[in-house]
Amino acid sequence: MLTLIIVLVVAAAVTFFLMKKGKIKDANNNHIPDAIEKPIEVVKEKVAVAKEEVKEVVEKVKKAVPKKKLAAKKSTKK
């Protein structure tokens, strides 16, 4: 576990150093490399579209399935 943490810290430090040197692009200077930021934006857009589709499907299912009131079963065990 400690090894994993050390590897992640070193990777983050190297990435930060390379961004400061200009080897890794960071156009808006938010310390998130553009190579990572662009794919994340694409995924966010896809998730937003999928979320809307799921909402539509849920609404259609709610309209299609009739609501029934189920009688509560009484237990007669003693």
N, C-alpha and C. Protein backbone atom coordinates (compact mmCIF):
# COMPACT_ATOMS: atom_id res chain seq x y z
N MET A 1 0.83 -1.19 0.00
CA MET A 1 0.00 0.00 0.00
C MET A 1 0.87 1.25 0.00
N LEU A 2 1.89 1.23 0.83
CA LEU A 2 2.80 2.37 0.91
C LEU A 2 3.53 2.57 -0.42
N THR A 3 3.87 1.46 -1.07
CA THR A 3 4.54 1.56 -2.37
C THR A 3 3.66 2.25 -3.39
N LEU A 4 2.37 1.91 -3.40
CA LEU A 4 1.43 2.53 -4.33
C LEU A 4 1.34 4.04 -4.08
N ILE A 5 1.27 4.43 -2.84
CA ILE A 5 1.19 5.85 -2.50
C ILE A 5 2.45 6.58 -2.96
N ILE A 6 3.60 5.96 -2.73
CA ILE A 6 4.86 6.58 -3.14
C ILE A 6 4.92 6.73 -4.65
N VAL A 7 4.50 5.71 -5.37
CA VAL A 7 4.50 5.76 -6.84
C VAL A 7 3.58 6.88 -7.33
N LEU A 8 2.40 7.01 -6.74
CA LEU A 8 1.47 8.06 -7.15
C LEU A 8 2.02 9.45 -6.85
N VAL A 9 2.65 9.61 -5.72
CA VAL A 9 3.23 10.91 -5.36
C VAL A 9 4.36 11.26 -6.32
N VAL A 10 5.20 10.30 -6.64
CA VAL A 10 6.30 10.55 -7.58
C VAL A 10 5.75 10.89 -8.96
N ALA A 11 4.74 10.16 -9.42
CA ALA A 11 4.14 10.43 -10.73
C ALA A 11 3.53 11.84 -10.76
N ALA A 12 2.87 12.23 -9.69
CA ALA A 12 2.28 13.57 -9.63
C ALA A 12 3.37 14.63 -9.63
N ALA A 13 4.45 14.40 -8.92
CA ALA A 13 5.55 15.36 -8.86
C ALA A 13 6.22 15.50 -10.23
N VAL A 14 6.43 14.39 -10.92
CA VAL A 14 7.04 14.44 -12.25
C VAL A 14 6.12 15.17 -13.22
N THR A 15 4.84 14.88 -13.15
CA THR A 15 3.87 15.56 -14.03
C THR A 15 3.87 17.05 -13.75
N PHE A 16 3.85 17.44 -12.50
CA PHE A 16 3.87 18.86 -12.13
C PHE A 16 5.14 19.54 -12.64
N PHE A 17 6.28 18.88 -12.46
CA PHE A 17 7.56 19.42 -12.92
C PHE A 17 7.56 19.61 -14.44
N LEU A 18 7.07 18.61 -15.16
CA LEU A 18 7.05 18.70 -16.63
C LEU A 18 6.08 19.77 -17.11
N MET A 19 5.00 20.00 -16.38
CA MET A 19 4.08 21.08 -16.75
C MET A 19 4.77 22.43 -16.57
N LYS A 20 5.51 22.58 -15.48
CA LYS A 20 6.19 23.85 -15.22
C LYS A 20 7.29 24.11 -16.26
N LYS A 21 7.93 23.05 -16.73
CA LYS A 21 8.97 23.18 -17.75
C LYS A 21 8.39 23.40 -19.14
N GLY A 22 7.09 23.14 -19.32
CA GLY A 22 6.45 23.33 -20.62
C GLY A 22 6.44 22.09 -21.49
N LYS A 23 6.87 20.96 -20.97
CA LYS A 23 6.88 19.72 -21.74
C LYS A 23 5.48 19.12 -21.84
N ILE A 24 4.67 19.36 -20.83
CA ILE A 24 3.27 18.93 -20.85
C ILE A 24 2.43 20.20 -20.88
N LYS A 25 1.51 20.27 -21.85
CA LYS A 25 0.71 21.48 -22.03
C LYS A 25 -0.35 21.62 -20.94
N ASP A 26 -0.49 22.86 -20.49
CA ASP A 26 -1.53 23.24 -19.54
C ASP A 26 -1.94 24.67 -19.88
N ALA A 27 -2.82 24.80 -20.86
CA ALA A 27 -3.15 26.11 -21.43
C ALA A 27 -3.77 27.06 -20.41
N ASN A 28 -4.65 26.56 -19.55
CA ASN A 28 -5.34 27.45 -18.62
C ASN A 28 -4.66 27.50 -17.24
N ASN A 29 -3.52 26.84 -17.10
CA ASN A 29 -2.70 26.90 -15.88
C ASN A 29 -3.46 26.52 -14.62
N ASN A 30 -4.25 25.44 -14.72
CA ASN A 30 -4.99 24.96 -13.55
C ASN A 30 -4.37 23.69 -12.95
N HIS A 31 -3.17 23.38 -13.38
CA HIS A 31 -2.40 22.22 -12.92
C HIS A 31 -3.05 20.89 -13.27
N ILE A 32 -3.89 20.90 -14.31
CA ILE A 32 -4.42 19.66 -14.87
C ILE A 32 -3.96 19.62 -16.32
N PRO A 33 -3.15 18.64 -16.70
CA PRO A 33 -2.64 18.59 -18.07
C PRO A 33 -3.79 18.55 -19.08
N ASP A 34 -3.60 19.26 -20.20
CA ASP A 34 -4.63 19.31 -21.23
C ASP A 34 -4.89 17.93 -21.83
N ALA A 35 -3.88 17.07 -21.84
CA ALA A 35 -4.04 15.71 -22.36
C ALA A 35 -5.05 14.91 -21.53
N ILE A 36 -5.19 15.26 -20.28
CA ILE A 36 -6.16 14.59 -19.40
C ILE A 36 -7.49 15.34 -19.41
N GLU A 37 -7.40 16.66 -19.46
CA GLU A 37 -8.59 17.50 -19.34
C GLU A 37 -9.56 17.31 -20.51
N LYS A 38 -9.04 17.19 -21.73
CA LYS A 38 -9.89 17.05 -22.91
C LYS A 38 -10.71 15.76 -22.89
N PRO A 39 -10.09 14.60 -22.64
CA PRO A 39 -10.90 13.37 -22.59
C PRO A 39 -11.94 13.39 -21.46
N ILE A 40 -11.62 14.04 -20.36
CA ILE A 40 -12.58 14.13 -19.25
C ILE A 40 -13.80 14.93 -19.68
N GLU A 41 -13.59 16.00 -20.44
CA GLU A 41 -14.72 16.80 -20.94
C GLU A 41 -15.60 15.96 -21.87
N VAL A 42 -14.98 15.14 -22.71
CA VAL A 42 -15.75 14.28 -23.62
C VAL A 42 -16.59 13.29 -22.81
N VAL A 43 -16.00 12.72 -21.78
CA VAL A 43 -16.73 11.76 -20.94
C VAL A 43 -17.88 12.45 -20.22
N LYS A 44 -17.65 13.67 -19.73
CA LYS A 44 -18.71 14.42 -19.04
C LYS A 44 -19.89 14.66 -19.97
N GLU A 45 -19.60 14.99 -21.24
CA GLU A 45 -20.68 15.22 -22.20
C GLU A 45 -21.47 13.93 -22.45
N LYS A 46 -20.76 12.82 -22.60
CA LYS A 46 -21.43 11.53 -22.83
C LYS A 46 -22.28 11.14 -21.63
N VAL A 47 -21.78 11.38 -20.43
CA VAL A 47 -22.53 11.06 -19.22
C VAL A 47 -23.79 11.91 -19.13
N ALA A 48 -23.68 13.18 -19.50
CA ALA A 48 -24.85 14.06 -19.46
C ALA A 48 -25.92 13.57 -20.43
N VAL A 49 -25.51 13.15 -21.62
CA VAL A 49 -26.47 12.63 -22.61
C VAL A 49 -27.11 11.35 -22.09
N ALA A 50 -26.29 10.46 -21.55
CA ALA A 50 -26.82 9.20 -21.02
C ALA A 50 -27.78 9.45 -19.86
N LYS A 51 -27.47 10.42 -19.02
CA LYS A 51 -28.34 10.76 -17.89
C LYS A 51 -29.71 11.22 -18.37
N GLU A 52 -29.73 12.04 -19.40
CA GLU A 52 -31.01 12.50 -19.97
C GLU A 52 -31.80 11.34 -20.57
N GLU A 53 -31.09 10.43 -21.25
CA GLU A 53 -31.76 9.27 -21.83
C GLU A 53 -32.36 8.39 -20.74
N VAL A 54 -31.64 8.21 -19.66
CA VAL A 54 -32.15 7.39 -18.55
C VAL A 54 -33.38 8.04 -17.94
N LYS A 55 -33.36 9.36 -17.78
CA LYS A 55 -34.53 10.06 -17.23
C LYS A 55 -35.75 9.83 -18.11
N GLU A 56 -35.55 9.92 -19.44
CA GLU A 56 -36.66 9.71 -20.36
C GLU A 56 -37.21 8.28 -20.25
N VAL A 57 -36.32 7.31 -20.17
CA VAL A 57 -36.75 5.91 -20.06
C VAL A 57 -37.50 5.69 -18.75
N VAL A 58 -37.02 6.26 -17.67
CA VAL A 58 -37.68 6.11 -16.37
C VAL A 58 -39.08 6.70 -16.42
N GLU A 59 -39.21 7.86 -17.03
CA GLU A 59 -40.54 8.49 -17.14
C GLU A 59 -41.47 7.62 -17.97
N LYS A 60 -40.98 7.05 -19.08
CA LYS A 60 -41.81 6.19 -19.91
C LYS A 60 -42.24 4.94 -19.15
N VAL A 61 -41.32 4.37 -18.38
CA VAL A 61 -41.65 3.17 -17.62
C VAL A 61 -42.67 3.48 -16.54
N LYS A 62 -42.51 4.62 -15.88
CA LYS A 62 -43.47 4.99 -14.84
C LYS A 62 -44.87 5.18 -15.42
N LYS A 63 -44.96 5.71 -16.63
CA LYS A 63 -46.25 5.90 -17.26
C LYS A 63 -46.84 4.57 -17.73
N ALA A 64 -45.99 3.65 -18.16
CA ALA A 64 -46.46 2.38 -18.71
C ALA A 64 -46.89 1.39 -17.64
N VAL A 65 -46.25 1.42 -16.50
CA VAL A 65 -46.55 0.45 -15.44
C VAL A 65 -47.68 1.01 -14.58
N PRO A 66 -48.78 0.26 -14.50
CA PRO A 66 -49.90 0.75 -13.67
C PRO A 66 -49.53 0.66 -12.19
N LYS A 67 -50.00 1.64 -11.47
CA LYS A 67 -49.73 1.63 -10.03
C LYS A 67 -50.82 0.83 -9.34
N LYS A 68 -50.41 -0.09 -8.51
CA LYS A 68 -51.36 -0.92 -7.77
C LYS A 68 -51.05 -0.77 -6.30
N LYS A 69 -52.10 -0.71 -5.55
CA LYS A 69 -51.91 -0.67 -4.10
C LYS A 69 -51.97 -2.11 -3.61
N LEU A 70 -50.93 -2.49 -2.98
CA LEU A 70 -50.87 -3.85 -2.45
C LEU A 70 -51.39 -3.87 -1.03
N ALA A 71 -52.25 -4.81 -0.79
CA ALA A 71 -52.80 -4.96 0.57
C ALA A 71 -51.71 -5.51 1.48
N ALA A 72 -51.60 -4.95 2.63
CA ALA A 72 -50.62 -5.42 3.58
C ALA A 72 -51.07 -6.76 4.12
N LYS A 73 -50.13 -7.72 4.08
CA LYS A 73 -50.45 -9.05 4.59
C LYS A 73 -50.26 -9.07 6.08
N LYS A 74 -51.25 -9.62 6.75
CA LYS A 74 -51.16 -9.70 8.21
C LYS A 74 -50.65 -11.08 8.58
N SER A 75 -49.72 -11.08 9.47
CA SER A 75 -49.15 -12.34 9.93
C SER A 75 -50.05 -12.90 11.05
N THR A 76 -50.41 -14.19 10.93
CA THR A 76 -51.27 -14.83 11.94
C THR A 76 -50.48 -15.82 12.79
N LYS A 77 -49.17 -15.79 12.63
CA LYS A 77 -48.34 -16.72 13.41
C LYS A 77 -48.24 -16.23 14.85
N LYS A 78 -48.23 -17.21 15.76
CA LYS A 78 -48.10 -16.89 17.18
C LYS A 78 -46.87 -17.50 17.74
